N, C-alpha and C. Protein backbone atom coordinates (compact mmCIF):
# COMPACT_ATOMS: atom_id res chain seq x y z
N UNK A 1 -25.88 9.96 3.93
CA UNK A 1 -26.20 8.25 2.96
C UNK A 1 -26.43 7.46 4.05
N UNK A 2 -25.03 7.45 5.45
CA UNK A 2 -25.29 6.75 6.51
C UNK A 2 -26.55 6.49 7.20
N UNK A 3 -26.89 7.77 7.36
CA UNK A 3 -27.83 8.57 8.66
C UNK A 3 -28.72 7.58 7.80
N UNK A 4 -29.56 8.14 6.32
CA UNK A 4 -30.86 7.55 5.53
C UNK A 4 -30.74 6.00 6.16
N UNK A 5 -29.25 5.30 5.59
CA UNK A 5 -29.58 3.29 5.98
C UNK A 5 -29.70 3.29 7.41
N UNK A 6 -29.05 4.23 8.51
CA UNK A 6 -29.56 3.47 9.61
C UNK A 6 -30.88 4.18 10.08
N UNK A 7 -31.63 4.93 9.54
CA UNK A 7 -32.88 5.35 9.90
C UNK A 7 -34.07 4.24 9.48
N UNK A 8 -33.58 4.01 8.58
CA UNK A 8 -34.48 3.01 7.99
C UNK A 8 -33.97 1.43 8.46
N UNK A 9 -33.04 1.22 8.86
CA UNK A 9 -32.44 0.06 9.65
C UNK A 9 -33.60 0.11 11.42
N UNK A 10 -33.16 1.29 11.39
CA UNK A 10 -34.00 1.54 13.01
C UNK A 10 -35.77 1.29 12.87
N UNK A 11 -36.10 1.57 11.76
CA UNK A 11 -37.38 1.70 11.39
C UNK A 11 -37.75 0.14 11.49
N UNK A 12 -36.94 -0.68 10.96
CA UNK A 12 -37.01 -2.09 10.04
C UNK A 12 -37.15 -2.37 11.54
N UNK A 13 -36.21 -2.86 12.39
CA UNK A 13 -36.54 -3.19 13.91
C UNK A 13 -37.63 -3.13 14.54
N UNK A 14 -38.07 -1.81 14.97
CA UNK A 14 -39.49 -1.50 15.28
C UNK A 14 -40.10 -2.29 14.46
N UNK A 15 -40.75 -2.20 13.68
CA UNK A 15 -41.74 -3.22 12.58
C UNK A 15 -41.60 -4.52 13.15
N UNK A 16 -40.37 -5.06 12.30
CA UNK A 16 -40.30 -6.40 12.98
C UNK A 16 -40.34 -6.72 14.46
N UNK A 17 -40.35 -5.74 15.16
CA UNK A 17 -40.45 -6.07 16.78
C UNK A 17 -41.81 -6.25 16.99
N UNK A 18 -42.19 -5.17 16.47
CA UNK A 18 -44.19 -5.84 16.66
C UNK A 18 -44.99 -6.23 16.34
N UNK A 19 -44.26 -6.58 14.97
CA UNK A 19 -44.85 -7.86 14.10
C UNK A 19 -44.75 -9.17 14.69
N UNK A 20 -43.40 -9.14 15.22
CA UNK A 20 -42.75 -10.84 15.51
C UNK A 20 -43.63 -10.80 17.41
N UNK A 21 -44.01 -9.78 18.18
CA UNK A 21 -44.60 -9.92 18.95
C UNK A 21 -46.07 -10.27 18.84
N UNK A 22 -46.56 -9.18 18.16
CA UNK A 22 -48.05 -9.93 17.48
C UNK A 22 -48.38 -11.18 17.18
N UNK A 23 -47.68 -11.41 16.09
CA UNK A 23 -47.55 -13.56 15.82
C UNK A 23 -46.99 -14.66 17.23
N UNK A 24 -46.52 -13.65 17.93
CA UNK A 24 -45.67 -14.97 19.24
C UNK A 24 -46.92 -14.94 19.88
N UNK A 25 -48.47 -13.70 19.95
CA UNK A 25 -49.16 -13.57 20.95
C UNK A 25 -50.17 -14.25 20.34
N UNK A 26 -50.03 -14.90 18.82
CA UNK A 26 -51.06 -15.36 18.44
C UNK A 26 -50.43 -16.77 17.66
N UNK A 27 -49.63 -17.37 18.52
CA UNK A 27 -49.12 -18.96 18.33
C UNK A 27 -48.24 -19.01 17.15
N UNK A 28 -47.85 -18.38 16.56
CA UNK A 28 -47.25 -18.36 15.44
C UNK A 28 -45.82 -18.53 15.14
N UNK A 29 -45.22 -19.41 16.07
CA UNK A 29 -43.83 -19.17 16.70
C UNK A 29 -42.98 -19.28 15.89
N UNK A 30 -43.13 -19.84 14.49
CA UNK A 30 -41.66 -20.13 13.90
C UNK A 30 -41.98 -18.67 12.95
N UNK A 31 -42.21 -18.50 12.48
CA UNK A 31 -42.97 -16.42 11.60
C UNK A 31 -42.38 -15.64 12.88
N UNK A 32 -42.60 -15.91 14.14
CA UNK A 32 -42.28 -14.74 14.63
C UNK A 32 -40.83 -14.61 15.19
N UNK A 33 -40.53 -16.34 15.16
CA UNK A 33 -38.74 -16.05 15.66
C UNK A 33 -38.04 -15.86 14.36
N UNK A 34 -38.34 -15.81 12.88
CA UNK A 34 -37.88 -15.36 11.99
C UNK A 34 -37.78 -14.07 12.15
N UNK A 35 -39.11 -13.35 12.34
CA UNK A 35 -38.98 -12.14 12.24
C UNK A 35 -37.77 -11.48 13.49
N UNK A 36 -38.17 -12.10 14.82
CA UNK A 36 -36.91 -11.29 15.76
C UNK A 36 -35.40 -12.01 14.78
N UNK A 37 -35.10 -12.61 14.58
CA UNK A 37 -34.15 -13.04 13.53
C UNK A 37 -33.59 -11.86 12.74
N UNK A 38 -34.63 -11.57 12.18
CA UNK A 38 -34.60 -10.52 10.93
C UNK A 38 -34.06 -9.16 11.83
N UNK A 39 -34.91 -8.82 12.84
CA UNK A 39 -34.65 -7.42 13.43
C UNK A 39 -32.98 -7.66 14.22
N UNK A 40 -32.80 -9.04 14.32
CA UNK A 40 -31.39 -8.98 15.23
C UNK A 40 -30.14 -8.42 14.24
N UNK A 41 -30.34 -9.28 12.56
CA UNK A 41 -30.13 -9.03 11.65
C UNK A 41 -29.37 -7.73 11.15
N UNK A 42 -30.61 -6.88 11.22
CA UNK A 42 -31.17 -5.37 11.12
C UNK A 42 -29.85 -4.71 11.83
N UNK A 43 -30.28 -5.08 13.09
CA UNK A 43 -29.26 -4.10 14.29
C UNK A 43 -28.02 -4.33 14.18
N UNK A 44 -27.36 -5.72 13.74
CA UNK A 44 -26.29 -5.39 13.35
C UNK A 44 -25.99 -5.46 12.65
N UNK A 45 -26.41 -5.04 11.10
CA UNK A 45 -25.87 -4.37 9.58
C UNK A 45 -25.99 -2.84 10.30
N UNK A 46 -26.80 -2.39 10.79
CA UNK A 46 -26.59 -1.07 11.24
C UNK A 46 -25.46 -0.32 11.49
N UNK A 47 -25.20 -1.12 13.00
CA UNK A 47 -23.90 -1.23 13.89
C UNK A 47 -23.00 -1.33 12.59
N UNK A 48 -22.62 -2.15 11.69
CA UNK A 48 -21.13 -2.29 11.19
C UNK A 48 -21.04 -1.28 9.92
N UNK A 49 -22.78 -0.66 9.44
CA UNK A 49 -22.93 0.53 8.59
C UNK A 49 -22.33 2.11 9.30
N UNK A 50 -22.64 1.94 10.65
CA UNK A 50 -22.26 3.43 11.65
C UNK A 50 -20.46 3.48 11.33
N UNK A 51 -20.22 2.05 11.56
CA UNK A 51 -18.70 1.89 12.12
C UNK A 51 -17.96 1.74 10.97
N UNK A 52 -18.61 1.29 9.71
CA UNK A 52 -17.47 1.49 8.59
C UNK A 52 -17.14 2.75 7.97
N UNK A 53 -15.79 2.51 7.84
CA UNK A 53 -15.18 4.19 7.16
C UNK A 53 -15.31 3.73 5.79
N UNK A 54 -15.45 4.67 4.74
CA UNK A 54 -15.33 4.31 3.19
C UNK A 54 -13.99 4.78 3.12
N UNK A 55 -13.87 4.04 2.13
CA UNK A 55 -12.11 4.28 1.48
C UNK A 55 -11.77 5.94 0.57
N UNK A 56 -10.57 6.39 0.85
CA UNK A 56 -10.34 7.83 0.68
C UNK A 56 -9.68 7.14 -0.74
N UNK A 57 -9.83 8.22 -1.50
CA UNK A 57 -9.57 7.86 -3.38
C UNK A 57 -8.31 8.21 -3.09
N UNK A 58 -7.48 7.16 -4.26
CA UNK A 58 -6.27 7.39 -4.57
C UNK A 58 -5.87 8.61 -4.80
N UNK A 59 -4.74 9.26 -4.04
CA UNK A 59 -4.02 10.29 -4.91
C UNK A 59 -3.05 10.21 -5.86
N UNK A 60 -4.16 10.88 -6.91
CA UNK A 60 -2.85 10.60 -8.17
C UNK A 60 -1.99 11.91 -8.67
N UNK A 61 -0.65 11.66 -8.89
CA UNK A 61 0.05 12.66 -9.04
C UNK A 61 0.15 12.73 -10.18
């Protein structure tokens, strides 16, 4: 499941980055900045997902 989430986040970063670059070239600076921040947040969330450990169930006697 983590791998699937990570791959989706990588795809989002690439799409956001390319769209942000295209908007920047057409002088839509505000929207370009918003997509850049979204790409950064996706990267941070991807790192968080990969490094978080799932809780282990308690052993019931």
